[in-house]
Amino acid sequence: ILSDFQGYIARISGLNGNVIWADTMGIVQNGTQDVFSSNVIISPNGGIIGVGGTHYASSTGAVDAWIVKYNSNGNLLWQRTFNKYGGNNWNYLVDIHQTYDNGFVLCGDLTNVAIPEQNLWVLKLDSMGCEIVNCSVGVEEPPSLLGRAGVGIYPNPNNGKFTITLVENEQQVPIFIYNLSGQVVQQLNINNNAIIDMSKQPNGIYFVKVVQHNKVSIMKIIKD
């Protein structure tokens, strides 16, 4: 159990009601996190996109807007969090529609807990869930295809050794690697590029979290 409240997603057979696949939704941080999912849509190619909000149990009360995408087989493709004004404000997404350019338009609300004051919120994202185009490419893309503020991981799958590439010239960027139980198996800071060695870890699925300018990118890697 990673937190008190977790999003849950499952695909159910229309023939017999059996669960085809299921997963808990959310971004793990320090082992505890609350996730609130409010809406899910199915894209024309079978992708599953959910929105809502997330609250880290170790934080001071902020709720970040949250979007997540799975493929039709239940594999996590990417997820993002957004905090419009920073601080301890509440950011929550309640509805989502896919646009003609394969991006998304979302609506929700922003609450300034200090006043308090609540405002409506409309957000446009690209097909990767980014406010900035190509903020994070797929984990199998080579570094030459990285966009502005991009994060690249390759090769994937790998034998335990892989490279993380950051487009922006940043120093001491925090990297956290989690196993499927939500445990941090490796933590380090990198400067632009780094070769990560996880050869001592067992084969399986891991999640790499990259924290840049208060924004979080999480990508799945497979060690085989």
C-alpha atoms as a PDB file:
ATOM      1  CA  ILE A   1       0.000   0.000   0.000  1.00  0.00           C
ATOM      2  CA  LEU A   2       1.585   3.270  -1.115  1.00  0.00           C
ATOM      3  CA  SER A   3      -0.901   5.773   0.303  1.00  0.00           C
ATOM      4  CA  ASP A   4      -4.270   6.296   1.953  1.00  0.00           C
ATOM      5  CA  PHE A   5      -6.022   7.054  -1.348  1.00  0.00           C
ATOM      6  CA  GLN A   6      -5.006   5.700  -4.738  1.00  0.00           C
ATOM      7  CA  GLY A   7      -6.563   5.875  -8.153  1.00  0.00           C
ATOM      8  CA  TYR A   8      -7.538   2.489  -9.568  1.00  0.00           C
ATOM      9  CA  ILE A   9      -8.018   1.520 -13.202  1.00  0.00           C
ATOM     10  CA  ALA A  10      -9.101  -1.826 -14.635  1.00  0.00           C
ATOM     11  CA  ARG A  11     -10.240  -3.320 -17.917  1.00  0.00           C
ATOM     12  CA  ILE A  12     -13.156  -5.716 -17.607  1.00  0.00           C
ATOM     13  CA  SER A  13     -14.162  -8.380 -20.113  1.00  0.00           C
ATOM     14  CA  GLY A  14     -17.549  -7.694 -21.694  1.00  0.00           C
ATOM     15  CA  LEU A  15     -18.118 -11.437 -22.060  1.00  0.00           C
ATOM     16  CA  ASN A  16     -17.743 -12.703 -18.509  1.00  0.00           C
ATOM     17  CA  GLY A  17     -16.883  -9.701 -16.339  1.00  0.00           C
ATOM     18  CA  ASN A  18     -13.374 -10.961 -15.588  1.00  0.00           C
ATOM     19  CA  VAL A  19     -10.608  -8.457 -14.934  1.00  0.00           C
ATOM     20  CA  ILE A  20      -8.252  -8.397 -17.944  1.00  0.00           C
ATOM     21  CA  TRP A  21      -5.760  -6.062 -16.282  1.00  0.00           C
ATOM     22  CA  ALA A  22      -5.716  -3.610 -13.395  1.00  0.00           C
ATOM     23  CA  ASP A  23      -3.360  -1.029 -11.957  1.00  0.00           C
ATOM     24  CA  THR A  24      -3.173   1.548  -9.190  1.00  0.00           C
ATOM     25  CA  MET A  25      -2.711   5.052 -10.513  1.00  0.00           C
ATOM     26  CA  GLY A  26      -0.429   7.723  -9.123  1.00  0.00           C
ATOM     27  CA  ILE A  27       3.068   9.105  -8.704  1.00  0.00           C
ATOM     28  CA  VAL A  28       4.984   7.697  -5.765  1.00  0.00           C
ATOM     29  CA  GLN A  29       7.018  10.137  -3.695  1.00  0.00           C
ATOM     30  CA  ASN A  30       8.621   9.150  -0.409  1.00  0.00           C
ATOM     31  CA  GLY A  31       6.274   6.176  -0.379  1.00  0.00           C
ATOM     32  CA  THR A  32       3.028   8.050   0.356  1.00  0.00           C
ATOM     33  CA  GLN A  33       0.613   9.900  -1.862  1.00  0.00           C
ATOM     34  CA  ASP A  34      -3.090  10.535  -2.277  1.00  0.00           C
ATOM     35  CA  VAL A  35      -4.571  10.361  -5.783  1.00  0.00           C
ATOM     36  CA  PHE A  36      -8.025  11.561  -6.794  1.00  0.00           C
ATOM     37  CA  SER A  37      -9.201  10.619 -10.285  1.00  0.00           C
ATOM     38  CA  SER A  38     -12.201  12.462 -11.719  1.00  0.00           C
ATOM     39  CA  ASN A  39     -12.530  11.461 -15.387  1.00  0.00           C
ATOM     40  CA  VAL A  40     -11.214   8.986 -17.972  1.00  0.00           C
ATOM     41  CA  ILE A  41     -11.472   8.985 -21.777  1.00  0.00           C
ATOM     42  CA  ILE A  42     -10.525   6.476 -24.494  1.00  0.00           C
ATOM     43  CA  SER A  43      -8.583   7.852 -27.467  1.00  0.00           C
ATOM     44  CA  PRO A  44      -9.230   6.619 -31.052  1.00  0.00           C
ATOM     45  CA  ASN A  45      -6.064   4.467 -30.930  1.00  0.00           C
ATOM     46  CA  GLY A  46      -7.172   2.770 -27.716  1.00  0.00           C
ATOM     47  CA  GLY A  47      -5.136   4.867 -25.298  1.00  0.00           C
ATOM     48  CA  ILE A  48      -6.635   5.560 -21.883  1.00  0.00           C
ATOM     49  CA  ILE A  49      -6.206   9.031 -20.394  1.00  0.00           C
ATOM     50  CA  GLY A  50      -7.245   9.965 -16.868  1.00  0.00           C
ATOM     51  CA  VAL A  51      -7.267  13.283 -14.993  1.00  0.00           C
ATOM     52  CA  GLY A  52      -7.669  14.441 -11.425  1.00  0.00           C
ATOM     53  CA  GLY A  53      -5.398  15.653  -8.672  1.00  0.00           C
ATOM     54  CA  THR A  54      -2.638  14.380  -6.432  1.00  0.00           C
ATOM     55  CA  HIS A  55      -1.527  15.283  -2.937  1.00  0.00           C
ATOM     56  CA  TYR A  56       1.789  14.171  -1.431  1.00  0.00           C
ATOM     57  CA  ALA A  57       1.369  13.153   2.182  1.00  0.00           C
ATOM     58  CA  SER A  58       4.761  14.692   2.984  1.00  0.00           C
ATOM     59  CA  SER A  59       3.814  18.092   1.497  1.00  0.00           C
ATOM     60  CA  THR A  60       2.266  21.093   3.223  1.00  0.00           C
ATOM     61  CA  GLY A  61      -1.150  20.679   1.657  1.00  0.00           C
ATOM     62  CA  ALA A  62      -0.772  21.443  -2.047  1.00  0.00           C
ATOM     63  CA  VAL A  63      -2.880  19.526  -4.551  1.00  0.00           C
ATOM     64  CA  ASP A  64      -1.339  19.270  -8.034  1.00  0.00           C
ATOM     65  CA  ALA A  65      -3.391  18.741 -11.185  1.00  0.00           C
ATOM     66  CA  TRP A  66      -2.639  15.316 -12.638  1.00  0.00           C
ATOM     67  CA  ILE A  67      -2.971  13.568 -16.017  1.00  0.00           C
ATOM     68  CA  VAL A  68      -1.984   9.987 -16.842  1.00  0.00           C
ATOM     69  CA  LYS A  69      -1.988   7.864 -20.003  1.00  0.00           C
ATOM     70  CA  TYR A  70      -2.039   4.084 -20.440  1.00  0.00           C
ATOM     71  CA  ASN A  71      -2.010   2.026 -23.610  1.00  0.00           C
ATOM     72  CA  SER A  72      -4.766  -0.490 -24.343  1.00  0.00           C
ATOM     73  CA  ASN A  73      -2.795  -3.240 -22.575  1.00  0.00           C
ATOM     74  CA  GLY A  74      -2.652  -1.323 -19.301  1.00  0.00           C
ATOM     75  CA  ASN A  75       0.982  -0.235 -19.576  1.00  0.00           C
ATOM     76  CA  LEU A  76       1.740   3.199 -18.137  1.00  0.00           C
ATOM     77  CA  LEU A  77       3.022   5.511 -20.900  1.00  0.00           C
ATOM     78  CA  TRP A  78       3.417   8.799 -19.022  1.00  0.00           C
ATOM     79  CA  GLN A  79       1.953  10.994 -16.340  1.00  0.00           C
ATOM     80  CA  ARG A  80       2.307  14.679 -15.487  1.00  0.00           C
ATOM     81  CA  THR A  81       1.513  17.044 -12.646  1.00  0.00           C
ATOM     82  CA  PHE A  82       0.827  20.773 -12.857  1.00  0.00           C
ATOM     83  CA  ASN A  83       0.742  23.503 -10.224  1.00  0.00           C
ATOM     84  CA  LYS A  84      -0.322  26.779 -11.827  1.00  0.00           C
ATOM     85  CA  TYR A  85       0.802  29.183  -9.119  1.00  0.00           C
ATOM     86  CA  GLY A  86       2.998  26.974  -6.954  1.00  0.00           C
ATOM     87  CA  GLY A  87       2.907  26.921  -3.182  1.00  0.00           C
ATOM     88  CA  ASN A  88       0.098  25.260  -1.274  1.00  0.00           C
ATOM     89  CA  ASN A  89      -2.687  26.043  -3.738  1.00  0.00           C
ATOM     90  CA  TRP A  90      -5.127  23.430  -4.985  1.00  0.00           C
ATOM     91  CA  ASN A  91      -5.027  22.513  -8.684  1.00  0.00           C
ATOM     92  CA  TYR A  92      -7.617  20.002  -9.866  1.00  0.00           C
ATOM     93  CA  LEU A  93      -8.699  18.705 -13.292  1.00  0.00           C
ATOM     94  CA  VAL A  94     -12.256  17.461 -13.771  1.00  0.00           C
ATOM     95  CA  ASP A  95     -12.780  16.961 -17.521  1.00  0.00           C
ATOM     96  CA  ILE A  96     -10.749  16.192 -20.661  1.00  0.00           C
ATOM     97  CA  HIS A  97     -11.344  16.066 -24.427  1.00  0.00           C
ATOM     98  CA  GLN A  98      -8.944  15.032 -27.182  1.00  0.00           C
ATOM     99  CA  THR A  99      -8.348  17.668 -29.884  1.00  0.00           C
ATOM    100  CA  TYR A 100      -7.829  17.335 -33.657  1.00  0.00           C
ATOM    101  CA  ASP A 101      -4.021  17.570 -33.221  1.00  0.00           C
ATOM    102  CA  ASN A 102      -4.060  14.538 -30.849  1.00  0.00           C
ATOM    103  CA  GLY A 103      -3.500  16.861 -27.910  1.00  0.00           C
ATOM    104  CA  PHE A 104      -5.912  17.504 -25.066  1.00  0.00           C
ATOM    105  CA  VAL A 105      -7.994  20.335 -23.704  1.00  0.00           C
ATOM    106  CA  LEU A 106      -8.788  20.084 -20.010  1.00  0.00           C
ATOM    107  CA  CYS A 107     -10.797  22.059 -17.506  1.00  0.00           C
ATOM    108  CA  GLY A 108     -10.700  22.232 -13.758  1.00  0.00           C
ATOM    109  CA  ASP A 109     -10.367  24.665 -10.909  1.00  0.00           C
ATOM    110  CA  LEU A 110      -7.646  26.559  -9.066  1.00  0.00           C
ATOM    111  CA  THR A 111      -8.060  27.384  -5.396  1.00  0.00           C
ATOM    112  CA  ASN A 112      -5.910  29.908  -3.559  1.00  0.00           C
ATOM    113  CA  VAL A 113      -6.125  28.608  -0.007  1.00  0.00           C
ATOM    114  CA  ALA A 114      -4.675  31.806   1.459  1.00  0.00           C
ATOM    115  CA  ILE A 115      -7.536  34.104   0.344  1.00  0.00           C
ATOM    116  CA  PRO A 116      -9.500  31.728  -0.263  1.00  0.00           C
ATOM    117  CA  GLU A 117     -10.424  32.181  -3.914  1.00  0.00           C
ATOM    118  CA  GLN A 118     -11.468  29.715  -6.599  1.00  0.00           C
ATOM    119  CA  ASN A 119     -11.100  30.168 -10.357  1.00  0.00           C
ATOM    120  CA  LEU A 120     -12.015  28.095 -13.391  1.00  0.00           C
ATOM    121  CA  TRP A 121      -9.062  26.681 -15.321  1.00  0.00           C
ATOM    122  CA  VAL A 122      -8.676  25.671 -18.976  1.00  0.00           C
ATOM    123  CA  LEU A 123      -5.470  23.923 -20.027  1.00  0.00           C
ATOM    124  CA  LYS A 124      -4.221  22.848 -23.492  1.00  0.00           C
ATOM    125  CA  LEU A 125      -1.645  20.058 -23.700  1.00  0.00           C
ATOM    126  CA  ASP A 126       0.060  18.304 -26.599  1.00  0.00           C
ATOM    127  CA  SER A 127      -0.158  14.574 -27.340  1.00  0.00           C
ATOM    128  CA  MET A 128       2.482  13.837 -24.677  1.00  0.00           C
ATOM    129  CA  GLY A 129       0.607  15.744 -21.992  1.00  0.00           C
ATOM    130  CA  CYS A 130       2.998  18.703 -22.163  1.00  0.00           C
ATOM    131  CA  GLU A 131       2.352  22.435 -21.931  1.00  0.00           C
ATOM    132  CA  ILE A 132       5.666  22.892 -23.779  1.00  0.00           C
ATOM    133  CA  VAL A 133       5.756  20.879 -27.009  1.00  0.00           C
ATOM    134  CA  ASN A 134       7.617  17.567 -26.578  1.00  0.00           C
ATOM    135  CA  CYS A 135       8.509  18.227 -22.946  1.00  0.00           C
ATOM    136  CA  SER A 136       9.173  14.507 -22.581  1.00  0.00           C
ATOM    137  CA  VAL A 137       9.438  12.007 -25.423  1.00  0.00           C
ATOM    138  CA  GLY A 138       8.769   8.289 -25.340  1.00  0.00           C
ATOM    139  CA  VAL A 139      11.336   6.241 -23.495  1.00  0.00           C
ATOM    140  CA  GLU A 140      12.510   4.506 -26.672  1.00  0.00           C
ATOM    141  CA  GLU A 141      13.268   7.698 -28.616  1.00  0.00           C
ATOM    142  CA  PRO A 142      16.941   8.542 -29.328  1.00  0.00           C
ATOM    143  CA  PRO A 143      18.283  11.797 -27.866  1.00  0.00           C
ATOM    144  CA  SER A 144      18.310  13.525 -31.259  1.00  0.00           C
ATOM    145  CA  LEU A 145      14.506  13.601 -31.153  1.00  0.00           C
ATOM    146  CA  LEU A 146      14.252  15.273 -27.763  1.00  0.00           C
ATOM    147  CA  GLY A 147      12.308  18.523 -27.659  1.00  0.00           C
ATOM    148  CA  ARG A 148      12.727  21.578 -25.481  1.00  0.00           C
ATOM    149  CA  ALA A 149      12.916  20.716 -21.785  1.00  0.00           C
ATOM    150  CA  GLY A 150      12.938  17.041 -22.816  1.00  0.00           C
ATOM    151  CA  VAL A 151      13.960  13.949 -20.940  1.00  0.00           C
ATOM    152  CA  GLY A 152      15.239  10.880 -22.775  1.00  0.00           C
ATOM    153  CA  ILE A 153      15.964   7.373 -21.510  1.00  0.00           C
ATOM    154  CA  TYR A 154      17.656   4.768 -23.691  1.00  0.00           C
ATOM    155  CA  PRO A 155      18.005   1.929 -24.361  1.00  0.00           C
ATOM    156  CA  ASN A 156      14.708   0.645 -23.092  1.00  0.00           C
ATOM    157  CA  PRO A 157      14.320  -2.244 -22.347  1.00  0.00           C
ATOM    158  CA  ASN A 158      17.892  -2.626 -21.043  1.00  0.00           C
ATOM    159  CA  ASN A 159      20.165  -4.938 -19.070  1.00  0.00           C
ATOM    160  CA  GLY A 160      20.352  -2.598 -16.092  1.00  0.00           C
ATOM    161  CA  LYS A 161      22.512   0.104 -17.658  1.00  0.00           C
ATOM    162  CA  PHE A 162      20.854   3.029 -19.441  1.00  0.00           C
ATOM    163  CA  THR A 163      21.404   6.707 -20.221  1.00  0.00           C
ATOM    164  CA  ILE A 164      19.300   9.658 -19.075  1.00  0.00           C
ATOM    165  CA  THR A 165      19.595  12.738 -21.298  1.00  0.00           C
ATOM    166  CA  LEU A 166      18.316  16.218 -20.436  1.00  0.00           C
ATOM    167  CA  VAL A 167      18.002  18.800 -23.184  1.00  0.00           C
ATOM    168  CA  GLU A 168      18.218  21.853 -20.955  1.00  0.00           C
ATOM    169  CA  ASN A 169      21.594  22.767 -19.473  1.00  0.00           C
ATOM    170  CA  GLU A 170      20.777  21.961 -15.872  1.00  0.00           C
ATOM    171  CA  GLN A 171      22.879  21.027 -12.890  1.00  0.00           C
ATOM    172  CA  GLN A 172      22.108  18.672 -10.015  1.00  0.00           C
ATOM    173  CA  VAL A 173      18.733  17.471 -11.311  1.00  0.00           C
ATOM    174  CA  PRO A 174      17.179  15.004  -8.820  1.00  0.00           C
ATOM    175  CA  ILE A 175      16.507  11.505 -10.157  1.00  0.00           C
ATOM    176  CA  PHE A 176      14.504   8.890  -8.240  1.00  0.00           C
ATOM    177  CA  ILE A 177      14.070   5.276  -9.360  1.00  0.00           C
ATOM    178  CA  TYR A 178      11.202   3.244  -7.882  1.00  0.00           C
ATOM    179  CA  ASN A 179      10.274  -0.412  -8.041  1.00  0.00           C
ATOM    180  CA  LEU A 180       6.685  -1.596  -8.414  1.00  0.00           C
ATOM    181  CA  SER A 181       6.263  -1.580  -4.630  1.00  0.00           C
ATOM    182  CA  GLY A 182       6.941   2.150  -4.516  1.00  0.00           C
ATOM    183  CA  GLN A 183      10.338   1.778  -2.867  1.00  0.00           C
ATOM    184  CA  VAL A 184      13.199   4.049  -3.904  1.00  0.00           C
ATOM    185  CA  VAL A 185      15.917   1.713  -5.172  1.00  0.00           C
ATOM    186  CA  GLN A 186      18.253   4.454  -6.388  1.00  0.00           C
ATOM    187  CA  GLN A 187      18.497   8.216  -5.916  1.00  0.00           C
ATOM    188  CA  LEU A 188      21.030  10.612  -7.435  1.00  0.00           C
ATOM    189  CA  ASN A 189      21.535  14.056  -8.971  1.00  0.00           C
ATOM    190  CA  ILE A 190      22.694  14.382 -12.584  1.00  0.00           C
ATOM    191  CA  ASN A 191      24.106  17.110 -14.820  1.00  0.00           C
ATOM    192  CA  ASN A 192      22.574  16.941 -18.312  1.00  0.00           C
ATOM    193  CA  ASN A 193      23.559  13.326 -19.046  1.00  0.00           C
ATOM    194  CA  ALA A 194      24.247  10.301 -16.918  1.00  0.00           C
ATOM    195  CA  ILE A 195      24.703   6.557 -17.301  1.00  0.00           C
ATOM    196  CA  ILE A 196      22.681   4.739 -14.663  1.00  0.00           C
ATOM    197  CA  ASP A 197      23.762   1.322 -13.407  1.00  0.00           C
ATOM    198  CA  MET A 198      20.988  -0.857 -11.977  1.00  0.00           C
ATOM    199  CA  SER A 199      22.651  -4.164 -12.777  1.00  0.00           C
ATOM    200  CA  LYS A 200      22.379  -5.268  -9.131  1.00  0.00           C
ATOM    201  CA  GLN A 201      18.607  -4.854  -9.135  1.00  0.00           C
ATOM    202  CA  PRO A 202      16.344  -7.766 -10.143  1.00  0.00           C
ATOM    203  CA  ASN A 203      14.757  -7.811 -13.582  1.00  0.00           C
ATOM    204  CA  GLY A 204      11.386  -6.143 -13.865  1.00  0.00           C
ATOM    205  CA  ILE A 205       9.596  -2.823 -14.286  1.00  0.00           C
ATOM    206  CA  TYR A 206      10.866   0.387 -12.690  1.00  0.00           C
ATOM    207  CA  PHE A 207       9.826   4.025 -12.778  1.00  0.00           C
ATOM    208  CA  VAL A 208      12.278   6.895 -13.222  1.00  0.00           C
ATOM    209  CA  LYS A 209      11.185  10.249 -11.805  1.00  0.00           C
ATOM    210  CA  VAL A 210      12.949  13.417 -12.993  1.00  0.00           C
ATOM    211  CA  VAL A 211      12.280  16.680 -11.122  1.00  0.00           C
ATOM    212  CA  GLN A 212      12.881  19.827 -13.194  1.00  0.00           C
ATOM    213  CA  HIS A 213      11.796  23.326 -12.147  1.00  0.00           C
ATOM    214  CA  ASN A 214       9.075  21.949  -9.866  1.00  0.00           C
ATOM    215  CA  LYS A 215       7.735  19.783 -12.709  1.00  0.00           C
ATOM    216  CA  VAL A 216       7.854  16.027 -12.616  1.00  0.00           C
ATOM    217  CA  SER A 217       8.358  13.559 -15.484  1.00  0.00           C
ATOM    218  CA  ILE A 218       7.950   9.853 -14.818  1.00  0.00           C
ATOM    219  CA  MET A 219       8.867   7.166 -17.318  1.00  0.00           C
ATOM    220  CA  LYS A 220       8.707   3.402 -17.153  1.00  0.00           C
ATOM    221  CA  ILE A 221      11.803   1.315 -17.849  1.00  0.00           C
ATOM    222  CA  ILE A 222      12.167  -2.432 -18.189  1.00  0.00           C
ATOM    223  CA  LYS A 223      15.233  -4.327 -16.991  1.00  0.00           C
ATOM    224  CA  ASP A 224      15.545  -7.756 -18.584  1.00  0.00           C
END
